[in-house]
Amino acid sequence: MSMTCNIDARGKRARFISGIAQLMAAFAIAALWAWPGGKWYAWGLVSLLTAGGAFTVFEARAGWCALRAMGIKTRI
């Protein structure tokens, strides 16, 4: 599957903002809950948010949406 550009500037902006928000949430959860508590599920949530945020920022930078590449229509 080739990664051809399949989103416009609005979609790139929305994905970039969403990715940054996910990364900021991961940082906040790590600092306020996972680090002091040290529970495995807190670190699991931090890991999922970090991976999702990083992938979303990657999509924004590449101009490519995985859902659209699979044929799923998105609003933006």
C-alpha atoms as a PDB file:
ATOM      1  CA  MET A   1       0.000   0.000   0.000  1.00  0.00           C
ATOM      2  CA  SER A   2       1.509   3.307  -1.025  1.00  0.00           C
ATOM      3  CA  MET A   3       1.095   6.350   1.162  1.00  0.00           C
ATOM      4  CA  THR A   4      -0.241   8.903  -1.272  1.00  0.00           C
ATOM      5  CA  CYS A   5      -1.641  12.151   0.074  1.00  0.00           C
ATOM      6  CA  ASN A   6      -5.341  11.630   0.749  1.00  0.00           C
ATOM      7  CA  ILE A   7      -6.230  14.559   3.068  1.00  0.00           C
ATOM      8  CA  ASP A   8      -6.304  18.305   2.544  1.00  0.00           C
ATOM      9  CA  ALA A   9      -4.913  21.134   4.688  1.00  0.00           C
ATOM     10  CA  ARG A  10      -7.948  21.090   6.998  1.00  0.00           C
ATOM     11  CA  GLY A  11      -7.495  17.385   7.657  1.00  0.00           C
ATOM     12  CA  LYS A  12      -3.783  17.814   8.274  1.00  0.00           C
ATOM     13  CA  ARG A  13      -4.441  20.603  10.767  1.00  0.00           C
ATOM     14  CA  ALA A  14      -7.126  18.597  12.591  1.00  0.00           C
ATOM     15  CA  ARG A  15      -4.896  15.542  12.854  1.00  0.00           C
ATOM     16  CA  PHE A  16      -1.911  17.581  14.003  1.00  0.00           C
ATOM     17  CA  ILE A  17      -3.915  19.317  16.751  1.00  0.00           C
ATOM     18  CA  SER A  18      -5.440  16.003  17.817  1.00  0.00           C
ATOM     19  CA  GLY A  19      -2.027  14.329  17.937  1.00  0.00           C
ATOM     20  CA  ILE A  20      -0.499  17.129  20.005  1.00  0.00           C
ATOM     21  CA  ALA A  21      -3.476  16.987  22.401  1.00  0.00           C
ATOM     22  CA  GLN A  22      -2.994  13.233  22.823  1.00  0.00           C
ATOM     23  CA  LEU A  23       0.718  13.669  23.502  1.00  0.00           C
ATOM     24  CA  MET A  24       0.020  16.419  26.041  1.00  0.00           C
ATOM     25  CA  ALA A  25      -2.578  14.214  27.753  1.00  0.00           C
ATOM     26  CA  ALA A  26      -0.063  11.362  27.888  1.00  0.00           C
ATOM     27  CA  PHE A  27       2.504  13.656  29.485  1.00  0.00           C
ATOM     28  CA  ALA A  28      -0.013  14.960  32.039  1.00  0.00           C
ATOM     29  CA  ILE A  29      -1.221  11.476  32.962  1.00  0.00           C
ATOM     30  CA  ALA A  30       2.354  10.256  33.286  1.00  0.00           C
ATOM     31  CA  ALA A  31       3.334  13.166  35.517  1.00  0.00           C
ATOM     32  CA  LEU A  32       0.208  13.265  37.689  1.00  0.00           C
ATOM     33  CA  TRP A  33      -0.945   9.659  37.916  1.00  0.00           C
ATOM     34  CA  ALA A  34       1.392   7.024  36.458  1.00  0.00           C
ATOM     35  CA  TRP A  35       4.677   8.229  37.914  1.00  0.00           C
ATOM     36  CA  PRO A  36       3.466   8.740  41.509  1.00  0.00           C
ATOM     37  CA  GLY A  37       1.203   5.662  41.509  1.00  0.00           C
ATOM     38  CA  GLY A  38       3.294   3.339  39.370  1.00  0.00           C
ATOM     39  CA  LYS A  39       0.342   1.141  38.385  1.00  0.00           C
ATOM     40  CA  TRP A  40       0.656  -0.916  35.203  1.00  0.00           C
ATOM     41  CA  TYR A  41      -2.679   0.258  33.799  1.00  0.00           C
ATOM     42  CA  ALA A  42      -1.672   3.910  34.197  1.00  0.00           C
ATOM     43  CA  TRP A  43       1.497   3.274  32.220  1.00  0.00           C
ATOM     44  CA  GLY A  44      -0.538   1.301  29.687  1.00  0.00           C
ATOM     45  CA  LEU A  45      -2.798   4.303  29.153  1.00  0.00           C
ATOM     46  CA  VAL A  46       0.241   6.573  28.804  1.00  0.00           C
ATOM     47  CA  SER A  47       1.717   4.166  26.237  1.00  0.00           C
ATOM     48  CA  LEU A  48      -1.499   4.015  24.207  1.00  0.00           C
ATOM     49  CA  LEU A  49      -1.900   7.798  24.199  1.00  0.00           C
ATOM     50  CA  THR A  50       1.737   8.301  23.232  1.00  0.00           C
ATOM     51  CA  ALA A  51       1.563   5.788  20.378  1.00  0.00           C
ATOM     52  CA  GLY A  52      -1.757   7.162  19.129  1.00  0.00           C
ATOM     53  CA  GLY A  53      -0.572  10.760  19.353  1.00  0.00           C
ATOM     54  CA  ALA A  54       2.680  10.016  17.568  1.00  0.00           C
ATOM     55  CA  PHE A  55       0.849   8.172  14.784  1.00  0.00           C
ATOM     56  CA  THR A  56      -1.676  10.990  14.404  1.00  0.00           C
ATOM     57  CA  VAL A  57       1.122  13.577  14.134  1.00  0.00           C
ATOM     58  CA  PHE A  58       2.788  11.311  11.559  1.00  0.00           C
ATOM     59  CA  GLU A  59      -0.446  11.201   9.546  1.00  0.00           C
ATOM     60  CA  ALA A  60      -0.648  14.993   9.634  1.00  0.00           C
ATOM     61  CA  ARG A  61       2.939  15.439   8.500  1.00  0.00           C
ATOM     62  CA  ALA A  62       2.627  12.837   5.737  1.00  0.00           C
ATOM     63  CA  GLY A  63      -0.788  14.075   4.561  1.00  0.00           C
ATOM     64  CA  TRP A  64      -2.056  10.522   4.747  1.00  0.00           C
ATOM     65  CA  CYS A  65      -4.969   9.083   6.731  1.00  0.00           C
ATOM     66  CA  ALA A  66      -5.008   5.375   7.538  1.00  0.00           C
ATOM     67  CA  LEU A  67      -8.800   5.242   7.758  1.00  0.00           C
ATOM     68  CA  ARG A  68      -9.225   6.884   4.364  1.00  0.00           C
ATOM     69  CA  ALA A  69      -6.640   4.510   2.906  1.00  0.00           C
ATOM     70  CA  MET A  70      -8.871   1.614   4.069  1.00  0.00           C
ATOM     71  CA  GLY A  71     -11.891   3.170   2.350  1.00  0.00           C
ATOM     72  CA  ILE A  72     -13.596   4.612   5.433  1.00  0.00           C
ATOM     73  CA  LYS A  73     -14.999   8.097   4.831  1.00  0.00           C
ATOM     74  CA  THR A  74     -14.111  10.762   7.408  1.00  0.00           C
ATOM     75  CA  ARG A  75     -15.763  14.157   7.805  1.00  0.00           C
ATOM     76  CA  ILE A  76     -12.516  16.132   7.661  1.00  0.00           C
END
